[in-house]
Amino acid sequence: MQDTFFQKADSDLDYIQYRLEYEIKTNHPDSAGELTPLTEEEKTAAEQLKSHMPDL
């Protein structure tokens, strides 16, 4: 059951990412391709989160 929970959460996050990208492209087409790369701090935070969720 826990595996199903994480699969659903992962699917939900994928959908949220898709919707955010769509909204940015739709509402701000002039800046859609100008997203800034992650900072070192953001990369570290993402890696820490991934270490707590090995299935990601």
PDB file of N, CA and C in Angstrom:
ATOM      1  N   MET A   1       0.821  -1.195   0.000  1.00  0.00           N
ATOM      2  CA  MET A   1       0.000   0.000   0.000  1.00  0.00           C
ATOM      3  C   MET A   1       0.863   1.255   0.000  1.00  0.00           C
ATOM      4  N   GLN A   2       1.956   1.233   0.747  1.00  0.00           N
ATOM      5  CA  GLN A   2       2.820   2.406   0.816  1.00  0.00           C
ATOM      6  C   GLN A   2       3.405   2.712  -0.565  1.00  0.00           C
ATOM      7  N   ASP A   3       3.748   1.656  -1.322  1.00  0.00           N
ATOM      8  CA  ASP A   3       4.294   1.848  -2.662  1.00  0.00           C
ATOM      9  C   ASP A   3       3.275   2.554  -3.560  1.00  0.00           C
ATOM     10  N   THR A   4       2.008   2.187  -3.424  1.00  0.00           N
ATOM     11  CA  THR A   4       0.942   2.830  -4.195  1.00  0.00           C
ATOM     12  C   THR A   4       0.827   4.302  -3.824  1.00  0.00           C
ATOM     13  N   PHE A   5       0.973   4.594  -2.549  1.00  0.00           N
ATOM     14  CA  PHE A   5       0.914   5.973  -2.071  1.00  0.00           C
ATOM     15  C   PHE A   5       2.000   6.815  -2.734  1.00  0.00           C
ATOM     16  N   PHE A   6       3.241   6.282  -2.783  1.00  0.00           N
ATOM     17  CA  PHE A   6       4.339   7.033  -3.388  1.00  0.00           C
ATOM     18  C   PHE A   6       4.174   7.154  -4.900  1.00  0.00           C
ATOM     19  N   GLN A   7       3.617   6.132  -5.540  1.00  0.00           N
ATOM     20  CA  GLN A   7       3.367   6.217  -6.979  1.00  0.00           C
ATOM     21  C   GLN A   7       2.346   7.317  -7.270  1.00  0.00           C
ATOM     22  N   LYS A   8       1.305   7.394  -6.449  1.00  0.00           N
ATOM     23  CA  LYS A   8       0.291   8.436  -6.624  1.00  0.00           C
ATOM     24  C   LYS A   8       0.904   9.807  -6.393  1.00  0.00           C
ATOM     25  N   ALA A   9       1.713   9.936  -5.340  1.00  0.00           N
ATOM     26  CA  ALA A   9       2.355  11.215  -5.056  1.00  0.00           C
ATOM     27  C   ALA A   9       3.262  11.626  -6.207  1.00  0.00           C
ATOM     28  N   ASP A  10       4.017  10.676  -6.742  1.00  0.00           N
ATOM     29  CA  ASP A  10       4.908  10.959  -7.870  1.00  0.00           C
ATOM     30  C   ASP A  10       4.100  11.392  -9.090  1.00  0.00           C
ATOM     31  N   SER A  11       2.998  10.710  -9.338  1.00  0.00           N
ATOM     32  CA  SER A  11       2.121  11.074 -10.449  1.00  0.00           C
ATOM     33  C   SER A  11       1.532  12.468 -10.254  1.00  0.00           C
ATOM     34  N   ASP A  12       1.120  12.767  -9.031  1.00  0.00           N
ATOM     35  CA  ASP A  12       0.571  14.091  -8.731  1.00  0.00           C
ATOM     36  C   ASP A  12       1.616  15.180  -8.968  1.00  0.00           C
ATOM     37  N   LEU A  13       2.852  14.926  -8.552  1.00  0.00           N
ATOM     38  CA  LEU A  13       3.922  15.907  -8.754  1.00  0.00           C
ATOM     39  C   LEU A  13       4.207  16.111 -10.239  1.00  0.00           C
ATOM     40  N   ASP A  14       4.184  15.032 -11.011  1.00  0.00           N
ATOM     41  CA  ASP A  14       4.377  15.153 -12.461  1.00  0.00           C
ATOM     42  C   ASP A  14       3.289  16.029 -13.072  1.00  0.00           C
ATOM     43  N   TYR A  15       2.052  15.824 -12.638  1.00  0.00           N
ATOM     44  CA  TYR A  15       0.939  16.612 -13.153  1.00  0.00           C
ATOM     45  C   TYR A  15       1.088  18.084 -12.770  1.00  0.00           C
ATOM     46  N   ILE A  16       1.465  18.335 -11.527  1.00  0.00           N
ATOM     47  CA  ILE A  16       1.664  19.719 -11.078  1.00  0.00           C
ATOM     48  C   ILE A  16       2.755  20.393 -11.897  1.00  0.00           C
ATOM     49  N   GLN A  17       3.848  19.681 -12.137  1.00  0.00           N
ATOM     50  CA  GLN A  17       4.930  20.242 -12.945  1.00  0.00           C
ATOM     51  C   GLN A  17       4.429  20.564 -14.349  1.00  0.00           C
ATOM     52  N   TYR A  18       3.682  19.640 -14.953  1.00  0.00           N
ATOM     53  CA  TYR A  18       3.128  19.870 -16.289  1.00  0.00           C
ATOM     54  C   TYR A  18       2.238  21.110 -16.301  1.00  0.00           C
ATOM     55  N   ARG A  19       1.358  21.225 -15.302  1.00  0.00           N
ATOM     56  CA  ARG A  19       0.447  22.371 -15.249  1.00  0.00           C
ATOM     57  C   ARG A  19       1.196  23.686 -15.065  1.00  0.00           C
ATOM     58  N   LEU A  20       2.227  23.684 -14.210  1.00  0.00           N
ATOM     59  CA  LEU A  20       3.006  24.906 -14.008  1.00  0.00           C
ATOM     60  C   LEU A  20       3.710  25.315 -15.293  1.00  0.00           C
ATOM     61  N   GLU A  21       4.314  24.359 -15.969  1.00  0.00           N
ATOM     62  CA  GLU A  21       4.996  24.674 -17.225  1.00  0.00           C
ATOM     63  C   GLU A  21       4.005  25.198 -18.262  1.00  0.00           C
ATOM     64  N   TYR A  22       2.833  24.583 -18.324  1.00  0.00           N
ATOM     65  CA  TYR A  22       1.805  25.021 -19.257  1.00  0.00           C
ATOM     66  C   TYR A  22       1.350  26.445 -18.939  1.00  0.00           C
ATOM     67  N   GLU A  23       1.111  26.718 -17.660  1.00  0.00           N
ATOM     68  CA  GLU A  23       0.675  28.049 -17.255  1.00  0.00           C
ATOM     69  C   GLU A  23       1.729  29.105 -17.566  1.00  0.00           C
ATOM     70  N   ILE A  24       2.981  28.780 -17.335  1.00  0.00           N
ATOM     71  CA  ILE A  24       4.060  29.730 -17.625  1.00  0.00           C
ATOM     72  C   ILE A  24       4.118  30.010 -19.123  1.00  0.00           C
ATOM     73  N   LYS A  25       4.068  28.952 -19.925  1.00  0.00           N
ATOM     74  CA  LYS A  25       4.133  29.128 -21.381  1.00  0.00           C
ATOM     75  C   LYS A  25       2.923  29.897 -21.902  1.00  0.00           C
ATOM     76  N   THR A  26       1.761  29.635 -21.310  1.00  0.00           N
ATOM     77  CA  THR A  26       0.531  30.276 -21.767  1.00  0.00           C
ATOM     78  C   THR A  26       0.447  31.739 -21.335  1.00  0.00           C
ATOM     79  N   ASN A  27       0.779  32.004 -20.085  1.00  0.00           N
ATOM     80  CA  ASN A  27       0.596  33.346 -19.530  1.00  0.00           C
ATOM     81  C   ASN A  27       1.812  34.248 -19.659  1.00  0.00           C
ATOM     82  N   HIS A  28       2.987  33.662 -19.872  1.00  0.00           N
ATOM     83  CA  HIS A  28       4.223  34.427 -19.992  1.00  0.00           C
ATOM     84  C   HIS A  28       5.081  33.869 -21.124  1.00  0.00           C
ATOM     85  N   PRO A  29       4.561  33.879 -22.346  1.00  0.00           N
ATOM     86  CA  PRO A  29       5.288  33.238 -23.449  1.00  0.00           C
ATOM     87  C   PRO A  29       6.654  33.872 -23.729  1.00  0.00           C
ATOM     88  N   ASP A  30       6.820  35.146 -23.409  1.00  0.00           N
ATOM     89  CA  ASP A  30       8.089  35.814 -23.686  1.00  0.00           C
ATOM     90  C   ASP A  30       9.197  35.383 -22.735  1.00  0.00           C
ATOM     91  N   SER A  31       8.843  34.832 -21.570  1.00  0.00           N
ATOM     92  CA  SER A  31       9.878  34.428 -20.622  1.00  0.00           C
ATOM     93  C   SER A  31       9.887  32.927 -20.353  1.00  0.00           C
ATOM     94  N   ALA A  32       9.087  32.150 -21.083  1.00  0.00           N
ATOM     95  CA  ALA A  32       8.955  30.716 -20.812  1.00  0.00           C
ATOM     96  C   ALA A  32      10.269  29.974 -20.965  1.00  0.00           C
ATOM     97  N   GLY A  33      11.121  30.380 -21.877  1.00  0.00           N
ATOM     98  CA  GLY A  33      12.380  29.679 -22.086  1.00  0.00           C
ATOM     99  C   GLY A  33      13.514  30.212 -21.236  1.00  0.00           C
ATOM    100  N   GLU A  34      13.232  31.142 -20.356  1.00  0.00           N
ATOM    101  CA  GLU A  34      14.278  31.808 -19.584  1.00  0.00           C
ATOM    102  C   GLU A  34      14.297  31.405 -18.116  1.00  0.00           C
ATOM    103  N   LEU A  35      13.921  30.156 -17.820  1.00  0.00           N
ATOM    104  CA  LEU A  35      13.951  29.713 -16.429  1.00  0.00           C
ATOM    105  C   LEU A  35      15.396  29.573 -15.985  1.00  0.00           C
ATOM    106  N   THR A  36      15.670  30.007 -14.776  1.00  0.00           N
ATOM    107  CA  THR A  36      17.039  29.952 -14.278  1.00  0.00           C
ATOM    108  C   THR A  36      17.348  28.567 -13.730  1.00  0.00           C
ATOM    109  N   PRO A  37      18.591  28.121 -13.876  1.00  0.00           N
ATOM    110  CA  PRO A  37      18.955  26.817 -13.321  1.00  0.00           C
ATOM    111  C   PRO A  37      18.909  26.843 -11.796  1.00  0.00           C
ATOM    112  N   LEU A  38      18.853  25.649 -11.196  1.00  0.00           N
ATOM    113  CA  LEU A  38      18.829  25.556  -9.739  1.00  0.00           C
ATOM    114  C   LEU A  38      20.117  26.093  -9.142  1.00  0.00           C
ATOM    115  N   THR A  39      19.985  26.743  -7.997  1.00  0.00           N
ATOM    116  CA  THR A  39      21.168  27.172  -7.267  1.00  0.00           C
ATOM    117  C   THR A  39      21.754  25.956  -6.555  1.00  0.00           C
ATOM    118  N   GLU A  40      22.960  26.089  -6.051  1.00  0.00           N
ATOM    119  CA  GLU A  40      23.583  24.982  -5.315  1.00  0.00           C
ATOM    120  C   GLU A  40      22.742  24.624  -4.087  1.00  0.00           C
ATOM    121  N   GLU A  41      22.189  25.627  -3.446  1.00  0.00           N
ATOM    122  CA  GLU A  41      21.341  25.394  -2.266  1.00  0.00           C
ATOM    123  C   GLU A  41      20.090  24.604  -2.641  1.00  0.00           C
ATOM    124  N   GLU A  42      19.477  24.944  -3.770  1.00  0.00           N
ATOM    125  CA  GLU A  42      18.288  24.223  -4.223  1.00  0.00           C
ATOM    126  C   GLU A  42      18.637  22.788  -4.620  1.00  0.00           C
ATOM    127  N   LYS A  43      19.796  22.615  -5.264  1.00  0.00           N
ATOM    128  CA  LYS A  43      20.228  21.260  -5.634  1.00  0.00           C
ATOM    129  C   LYS A  43      20.443  20.409  -4.394  1.00  0.00           C
ATOM    130  N   THR A  44      21.067  20.990  -3.373  1.00  0.00           N
ATOM    131  CA  THR A  44      21.321  20.264  -2.128  1.00  0.00           C
ATOM    132  C   THR A  44      19.995  19.873  -1.468  1.00  0.00           C
ATOM    133  N   ALA A  45      19.043  20.784  -1.439  1.00  0.00           N
ATOM    134  CA  ALA A  45      17.741  20.499  -0.838  1.00  0.00           C
ATOM    135  C   ALA A  45      17.026  19.385  -1.608  1.00  0.00           C
ATOM    136  N   ALA A  46      17.118  19.413  -2.926  1.00  0.00           N
ATOM    137  CA  ALA A  46      16.491  18.367  -3.737  1.00  0.00           C
ATOM    138  C   ALA A  46      17.135  17.014  -3.480  1.00  0.00           C
ATOM    139  N   GLU A  47      18.452  16.974  -3.369  1.00  0.00           N
ATOM    140  CA  GLU A  47      19.159  15.720  -3.096  1.00  0.00           C
ATOM    141  C   GLU A  47      18.797  15.184  -1.715  1.00  0.00           C
ATOM    142  N   GLN A  48      18.670  16.071  -0.736  1.00  0.00           N
ATOM    143  CA  GLN A  48      18.280  15.638   0.612  1.00  0.00           C
ATOM    144  C   GLN A  48      16.885  15.039   0.603  1.00  0.00           C
ATOM    145  N   LEU A  49      15.976  15.656  -0.149  1.00  0.00           N
ATOM    146  CA  LEU A  49      14.624  15.135  -0.254  1.00  0.00           C
ATOM    147  C   LEU A  49      14.626  13.771  -0.922  1.00  0.00           C
ATOM    148  N   LYS A  50      15.398  13.641  -1.986  1.00  0.00           N
ATOM    149  CA  LYS A  50      15.477  12.358  -2.694  1.00  0.00           C
ATOM    150  C   LYS A  50      16.052  11.265  -1.807  1.00  0.00           C
ATOM    151  N   SER A  51      16.992  11.609  -0.945  1.00  0.00           N
ATOM    152  CA  SER A  51      17.595  10.593  -0.066  1.00  0.00           C
ATOM    153  C   SER A  51      16.577  10.046   0.925  1.00  0.00           C
ATOM    154  N   HIS A  52      15.551  10.813   1.233  1.00  0.00           N
ATOM    155  CA  HIS A  52      14.495  10.344   2.140  1.00  0.00           C
ATOM    156  C   HIS A  52      13.421   9.567   1.400  1.00  0.00           C
ATOM    157  N   MET A  53      13.451   9.645   0.068  1.00  0.00           N
ATOM    158  CA  MET A  53      12.465   8.935  -0.767  1.00  0.00           C
ATOM    159  C   MET A  53      13.223   8.188  -1.863  1.00  0.00           C
ATOM    160  N   PRO A  54      13.771   7.027  -1.552  1.00  0.00           N
ATOM    161  CA  PRO A  54      14.629   6.324  -2.495  1.00  0.00           C
ATOM    162  C   PRO A  54      13.945   5.886  -3.780  1.00  0.00           C
ATOM    163  N   ASP A  55      12.616   5.854  -3.827  1.00  0.00           N
ATOM    164  CA  ASP A  55      11.917   5.421  -5.031  1.00  0.00           C
ATOM    165  C   ASP A  55      11.842   6.497  -6.099  1.00  0.00           C
ATOM    166  N   LEU A  56      12.249   7.725  -5.779  1.00  0.00           N
ATOM    167  CA  LEU A  56      12.168   8.814  -6.759  1.00  0.00           C
ATOM    168  C   LEU A  56      13.331   8.811  -7.697  1.00  0.00           C
TER     169      LEU A  56
END
